[in-house]
Amino acid sequence: MKKVKITVLRSTFNEDLARDYGIPGLKPCNMMKEGQVFYAELGKPEGFCDGAWRTIHPYVFALANGAKQFYFNDWVRQPGVAITCCNDGLRPVFFKLEATDEEVKSPFI
């Protein structure tokens, strides 16, 4: 199983949707910052958003276990990479997920 590098690519804010549906004063995500890098091993990285983790975890798990492509190979051109985002429709954060060559050390050995 490989470590997966998670890079925050973009933090967005849909002002029109936030105005129409969000709570008063809603602002862009204050937890994830563009350029942040995390490494996933056997679980959610320290300081990573719980909601974003629940959304991206299936891709992280697949990449950690050797997936090179997703869907019908018609998504991301670089093998071993996924571009995805959290499921916050008002202020989605986009991530680049990359399998690394570094093995995760098992806690059972």
N, C-alpha and C. Protein backbone atom coordinates (compact mmCIF):
# COMPACT_ATOMS: atom_id res chain seq x y z
N MET A 1 0.85 -1.18 0.00
CA MET A 1 0.00 0.00 0.00
C MET A 1 0.89 1.24 0.00
N LYS A 2 0.58 2.21 -0.85
CA LYS A 2 1.40 3.42 -1.02
C LYS A 2 0.79 4.62 -0.29
N LYS A 3 1.66 5.53 0.11
CA LYS A 3 1.19 6.82 0.62
C LYS A 3 0.59 7.58 -0.55
N VAL A 4 -0.38 8.43 -0.26
CA VAL A 4 -1.00 9.26 -1.28
C VAL A 4 -0.81 10.73 -0.88
N LYS A 5 -0.26 11.49 -1.82
CA LYS A 5 -0.06 12.92 -1.62
C LYS A 5 -1.34 13.65 -2.02
N ILE A 6 -1.80 14.51 -1.13
CA ILE A 6 -3.02 15.30 -1.36
C ILE A 6 -2.62 16.77 -1.38
N THR A 7 -2.83 17.42 -2.50
CA THR A 7 -2.51 18.84 -2.63
C THR A 7 -3.80 19.63 -2.82
N VAL A 8 -3.99 20.68 -2.04
CA VAL A 8 -5.14 21.56 -2.20
C VAL A 8 -4.86 22.45 -3.41
N LEU A 9 -5.65 22.26 -4.47
CA LEU A 9 -5.46 23.02 -5.70
C LEU A 9 -6.19 24.36 -5.68
N ARG A 10 -7.41 24.35 -5.20
CA ARG A 10 -8.23 25.55 -5.30
C ARG A 10 -9.34 25.50 -4.25
N SER A 11 -9.58 26.65 -3.65
CA SER A 11 -10.70 26.81 -2.73
C SER A 11 -11.64 27.81 -3.39
N THR A 12 -12.86 27.40 -3.65
CA THR A 12 -13.79 28.26 -4.36
C THR A 12 -14.96 28.66 -3.47
N PHE A 13 -15.70 29.65 -3.94
CA PHE A 13 -16.85 30.13 -3.20
C PHE A 13 -17.91 30.56 -4.21
N ASN A 14 -19.03 29.89 -4.20
CA ASN A 14 -20.13 30.22 -5.11
C ASN A 14 -21.02 31.27 -4.45
N GLU A 15 -20.66 32.52 -4.68
CA GLU A 15 -21.34 33.62 -4.01
C GLU A 15 -22.84 33.64 -4.24
N ASP A 16 -23.26 33.36 -5.48
CA ASP A 16 -24.69 33.40 -5.76
C ASP A 16 -25.44 32.32 -5.00
N LEU A 17 -24.90 31.12 -4.95
CA LEU A 17 -25.55 30.04 -4.21
C LEU A 17 -25.50 30.29 -2.71
N ALA A 18 -24.37 30.81 -2.23
CA ALA A 18 -24.25 31.12 -0.80
C ALA A 18 -25.26 32.20 -0.41
N ARG A 19 -25.43 33.19 -1.27
CA ARG A 19 -26.39 34.26 -1.01
C ARG A 19 -27.82 33.70 -0.95
N ASP A 20 -28.14 32.81 -1.89
CA ASP A 20 -29.50 32.28 -1.99
C ASP A 20 -29.80 31.18 -0.98
N TYR A 21 -28.79 30.41 -0.59
CA TYR A 21 -29.05 29.21 0.22
C TYR A 21 -28.23 29.10 1.50
N GLY A 22 -27.15 29.83 1.60
CA GLY A 22 -26.27 29.72 2.76
C GLY A 22 -26.75 30.52 3.94
N ILE A 23 -26.14 30.25 5.07
CA ILE A 23 -26.46 31.04 6.26
C ILE A 23 -25.91 32.44 6.08
N PRO A 24 -26.50 33.43 6.72
CA PRO A 24 -25.98 34.80 6.60
C PRO A 24 -24.51 34.85 7.01
N GLY A 25 -23.71 35.54 6.20
CA GLY A 25 -22.30 35.71 6.52
C GLY A 25 -21.40 34.54 6.15
N LEU A 26 -21.93 33.55 5.45
CA LEU A 26 -21.12 32.41 5.05
C LEU A 26 -19.93 32.88 4.22
N LYS A 27 -18.76 32.35 4.53
CA LYS A 27 -17.51 32.73 3.86
C LYS A 27 -16.89 31.49 3.21
N PRO A 28 -15.86 31.68 2.39
CA PRO A 28 -15.15 30.52 1.81
C PRO A 28 -14.59 29.63 2.92
N CYS A 29 -14.29 28.39 2.57
CA CYS A 29 -13.71 27.43 3.51
C CYS A 29 -12.49 28.04 4.18
N ASN A 30 -12.45 27.96 5.50
CA ASN A 30 -11.30 28.50 6.23
C ASN A 30 -10.37 27.40 6.73
N MET A 31 -10.66 26.16 6.34
CA MET A 31 -9.84 25.04 6.83
C MET A 31 -8.78 24.61 5.82
N MET A 32 -9.14 24.59 4.55
CA MET A 32 -8.23 24.13 3.51
C MET A 32 -7.70 25.34 2.74
N LYS A 33 -6.40 25.44 2.60
CA LYS A 33 -5.76 26.57 1.92
C LYS A 33 -5.04 26.08 0.68
N GLU A 34 -5.17 26.83 -0.41
CA GLU A 34 -4.48 26.48 -1.66
C GLU A 34 -2.99 26.27 -1.40
N GLY A 35 -2.47 25.19 -1.96
CA GLY A 35 -1.05 24.88 -1.80
C GLY A 35 -0.73 23.95 -0.64
N GLN A 36 -1.67 23.75 0.29
CA GLN A 36 -1.43 22.83 1.39
C GLN A 36 -1.18 21.43 0.84
N VAL A 37 -0.31 20.69 1.49
CA VAL A 37 -0.01 19.32 1.10
C VAL A 37 -0.18 18.42 2.32
N PHE A 38 -0.87 17.31 2.12
CA PHE A 38 -1.07 16.30 3.15
C PHE A 38 -0.65 14.95 2.58
N TYR A 39 -0.29 14.03 3.45
CA TYR A 39 0.02 12.67 3.02
C TYR A 39 -0.89 11.70 3.77
N ALA A 40 -1.64 10.92 3.01
CA ALA A 40 -2.53 9.92 3.60
C ALA A 40 -1.78 8.60 3.70
N GLU A 41 -1.84 8.01 4.88
CA GLU A 41 -1.25 6.69 5.10
C GLU A 41 -2.38 5.71 5.37
N LEU A 42 -2.67 5.45 6.63
CA LEU A 42 -3.72 4.48 6.97
C LEU A 42 -5.03 5.15 7.37
N GLY A 43 -5.12 6.44 7.23
CA GLY A 43 -6.34 7.15 7.59
C GLY A 43 -6.24 8.61 7.21
N LYS A 44 -7.19 9.38 7.71
CA LYS A 44 -7.26 10.80 7.41
C LYS A 44 -6.02 11.50 7.96
N PRO A 45 -5.37 12.32 7.13
CA PRO A 45 -4.21 13.06 7.63
C PRO A 45 -4.59 14.05 8.72
N GLU A 46 -3.67 14.29 9.63
CA GLU A 46 -3.85 15.26 10.71
C GLU A 46 -4.19 16.63 10.12
N GLY A 47 -5.24 17.27 10.63
CA GLY A 47 -5.61 18.61 10.20
C GLY A 47 -6.43 18.67 8.93
N PHE A 48 -6.81 17.51 8.39
CA PHE A 48 -7.59 17.48 7.15
C PHE A 48 -9.07 17.53 7.49
N CYS A 49 -9.84 18.22 6.68
CA CYS A 49 -11.28 18.37 6.89
C CYS A 49 -12.01 17.02 6.87
N ASP A 50 -12.82 16.76 7.88
CA ASP A 50 -13.57 15.49 7.95
C ASP A 50 -14.50 15.31 6.76
N GLY A 51 -15.23 16.36 6.39
CA GLY A 51 -16.17 16.26 5.28
C GLY A 51 -15.47 16.01 3.96
N ALA A 52 -14.38 16.70 3.71
CA ALA A 52 -13.61 16.48 2.49
C ALA A 52 -13.05 15.07 2.47
N TRP A 53 -12.57 14.58 3.61
CA TRP A 53 -12.01 13.23 3.67
C TRP A 53 -13.07 12.18 3.30
N ARG A 54 -14.26 12.34 3.82
CA ARG A 54 -15.33 11.37 3.49
C ARG A 54 -15.60 11.33 1.99
N THR A 55 -15.44 12.47 1.32
CA THR A 55 -15.69 12.55 -0.11
C THR A 55 -14.55 11.96 -0.93
N ILE A 56 -13.31 12.28 -0.57
CA ILE A 56 -12.18 11.86 -1.41
C ILE A 56 -11.60 10.51 -1.03
N HIS A 57 -11.96 10.00 0.14
CA HIS A 57 -11.37 8.75 0.62
C HIS A 57 -11.42 7.59 -0.37
N PRO A 58 -12.52 7.35 -1.10
CA PRO A 58 -12.51 6.23 -2.05
C PRO A 58 -11.41 6.35 -3.11
N TYR A 59 -11.12 7.56 -3.56
CA TYR A 59 -10.05 7.76 -4.53
C TYR A 59 -8.68 7.54 -3.89
N VAL A 60 -8.51 8.04 -2.66
CA VAL A 60 -7.25 7.85 -1.95
C VAL A 60 -7.00 6.35 -1.76
N PHE A 61 -8.01 5.62 -1.32
CA PHE A 61 -7.88 4.18 -1.09
C PHE A 61 -7.51 3.46 -2.39
N ALA A 62 -8.18 3.81 -3.47
CA ALA A 62 -7.90 3.16 -4.76
C ALA A 62 -6.46 3.44 -5.20
N LEU A 63 -6.03 4.70 -5.13
CA LEU A 63 -4.67 5.04 -5.52
C LEU A 63 -3.63 4.35 -4.63
N ALA A 64 -3.90 4.30 -3.34
CA ALA A 64 -2.97 3.65 -2.41
C ALA A 64 -2.80 2.18 -2.72
N ASN A 65 -3.82 1.60 -3.33
CA ASN A 65 -3.80 0.17 -3.63
C ASN A 65 -3.55 -0.13 -5.10
N GLY A 66 -2.99 0.83 -5.82
CA GLY A 66 -2.51 0.57 -7.16
C GLY A 66 -3.36 1.02 -8.33
N ALA A 67 -4.49 1.67 -8.08
CA ALA A 67 -5.31 2.15 -9.21
C ALA A 67 -4.51 3.15 -10.03
N LYS A 68 -4.62 3.03 -11.33
CA LYS A 68 -3.93 3.95 -12.23
C LYS A 68 -4.91 4.84 -12.99
N GLN A 69 -6.10 4.38 -13.23
CA GLN A 69 -7.12 5.11 -13.98
C GLN A 69 -8.47 4.94 -13.28
N PHE A 70 -9.37 5.84 -13.55
CA PHE A 70 -10.72 5.78 -13.00
C PHE A 70 -11.73 5.83 -14.13
N TYR A 71 -12.89 5.31 -13.87
CA TYR A 71 -13.99 5.30 -14.81
C TYR A 71 -13.59 4.58 -16.09
N PHE A 72 -13.67 5.21 -17.22
CA PHE A 72 -13.38 4.55 -18.49
C PHE A 72 -12.11 5.13 -19.12
N ASN A 73 -11.14 5.48 -18.25
CA ASN A 73 -9.88 6.08 -18.69
C ASN A 73 -10.12 7.38 -19.46
N ASP A 74 -11.21 8.07 -19.14
CA ASP A 74 -11.55 9.30 -19.85
C ASP A 74 -11.63 10.50 -18.91
N TRP A 75 -10.80 10.48 -17.89
CA TRP A 75 -10.93 11.51 -16.88
C TRP A 75 -9.63 12.30 -16.77
N VAL A 76 -8.63 11.76 -16.09
CA VAL A 76 -7.35 12.43 -15.89
C VAL A 76 -6.30 11.72 -16.74
N ARG A 77 -5.51 12.48 -17.48
CA ARG A 77 -4.58 11.85 -18.42
C ARG A 77 -3.38 11.20 -17.77
N GLN A 78 -3.02 11.63 -16.56
CA GLN A 78 -1.83 11.08 -15.91
C GLN A 78 -2.21 9.89 -15.03
N PRO A 79 -1.67 8.71 -15.28
CA PRO A 79 -1.97 7.54 -14.45
C PRO A 79 -1.56 7.78 -12.99
N GLY A 80 -2.36 7.26 -12.08
CA GLY A 80 -2.06 7.39 -10.66
C GLY A 80 -2.38 8.74 -10.07
N VAL A 81 -3.20 9.52 -10.78
CA VAL A 81 -3.58 10.86 -10.31
C VAL A 81 -5.10 11.00 -10.41
N ALA A 82 -5.69 11.67 -9.43
CA ALA A 82 -7.11 12.00 -9.49
C ALA A 82 -7.27 13.47 -9.10
N ILE A 83 -8.15 14.16 -9.78
CA ILE A 83 -8.53 15.53 -9.43
C ILE A 83 -9.98 15.44 -8.97
N THR A 84 -10.23 15.88 -7.76
CA THR A 84 -11.57 15.75 -7.19
C THR A 84 -11.81 16.91 -6.23
N CYS A 85 -13.00 16.97 -5.67
CA CYS A 85 -13.31 18.04 -4.73
C CYS A 85 -14.22 17.52 -3.62
N CYS A 86 -14.31 18.32 -2.58
CA CYS A 86 -15.23 17.97 -1.50
C CYS A 86 -16.66 18.21 -2.00
N ASN A 87 -17.62 17.80 -1.22
CA ASN A 87 -19.01 17.90 -1.68
C ASN A 87 -19.75 19.11 -1.10
N ASP A 88 -19.03 20.14 -0.71
CA ASP A 88 -19.65 21.38 -0.25
C ASP A 88 -20.02 22.20 -1.47
N GLY A 89 -21.27 22.22 -1.83
CA GLY A 89 -21.71 22.90 -3.04
C GLY A 89 -21.62 24.41 -2.99
N LEU A 90 -21.50 24.98 -1.80
CA LEU A 90 -21.41 26.42 -1.69
C LEU A 90 -19.96 26.90 -1.71
N ARG A 91 -19.06 26.07 -1.21
CA ARG A 91 -17.64 26.46 -1.13
C ARG A 91 -16.72 25.25 -1.33
N PRO A 92 -16.80 24.64 -2.51
CA PRO A 92 -16.01 23.43 -2.77
C PRO A 92 -14.51 23.70 -2.82
N VAL A 93 -13.77 22.72 -2.34
CA VAL A 93 -12.31 22.75 -2.37
C VAL A 93 -11.86 21.62 -3.28
N PHE A 94 -10.92 21.93 -4.18
CA PHE A 94 -10.43 20.96 -5.17
C PHE A 94 -9.08 20.42 -4.77
N PHE A 95 -8.88 19.12 -5.02
CA PHE A 95 -7.68 18.42 -4.61
C PHE A 95 -7.06 17.65 -5.77
N LYS A 96 -5.74 17.56 -5.73
CA LYS A 96 -5.00 16.66 -6.61
C LYS A 96 -4.49 15.53 -5.73
N LEU A 97 -4.83 14.30 -6.09
CA LEU A 97 -4.41 13.12 -5.36
C LEU A 97 -3.40 12.37 -6.21
N GLU A 98 -2.27 12.01 -5.62
CA GLU A 98 -1.22 11.31 -6.36
C GLU A 98 -0.68 10.15 -5.54
N ALA A 99 -0.63 8.98 -6.14
CA ALA A 99 0.03 7.86 -5.50
C ALA A 99 1.53 8.16 -5.47
N THR A 100 2.19 7.87 -4.37
CA THR A 100 3.64 8.04 -4.28
C THR A 100 4.28 6.65 -4.39
N ASP A 101 5.59 6.63 -4.39
CA ASP A 101 6.32 5.37 -4.41
C ASP A 101 6.61 4.86 -3.00
N GLU A 102 6.25 5.67 -2.00
CA GLU A 102 6.57 5.33 -0.62
C GLU A 102 5.52 4.38 -0.03
N GLU A 103 6.01 3.27 0.49
CA GLU A 103 5.13 2.27 1.11
C GLU A 103 4.68 2.74 2.48
N VAL A 104 3.45 2.42 2.83
CA VAL A 104 2.93 2.69 4.16
C VAL A 104 3.41 1.58 5.07
N LYS A 105 3.93 1.96 6.21
CA LYS A 105 4.41 0.96 7.18
C LYS A 105 3.22 0.41 7.96
N SER A 106 3.08 -0.90 7.97
CA SER A 106 1.98 -1.54 8.67
C SER A 106 2.20 -1.46 10.17
N PRO A 107 1.14 -1.13 10.94
CA PRO A 107 1.28 -1.09 12.39
C PRO A 107 1.31 -2.51 12.99
N PHE A 108 1.11 -3.54 12.19
CA PHE A 108 1.03 -4.91 12.67
C PHE A 108 2.35 -5.66 12.54
N ILE A 109 3.38 -4.99 12.03
CA ILE A 109 4.67 -5.68 11.86
C ILE A 109 5.62 -5.27 12.95
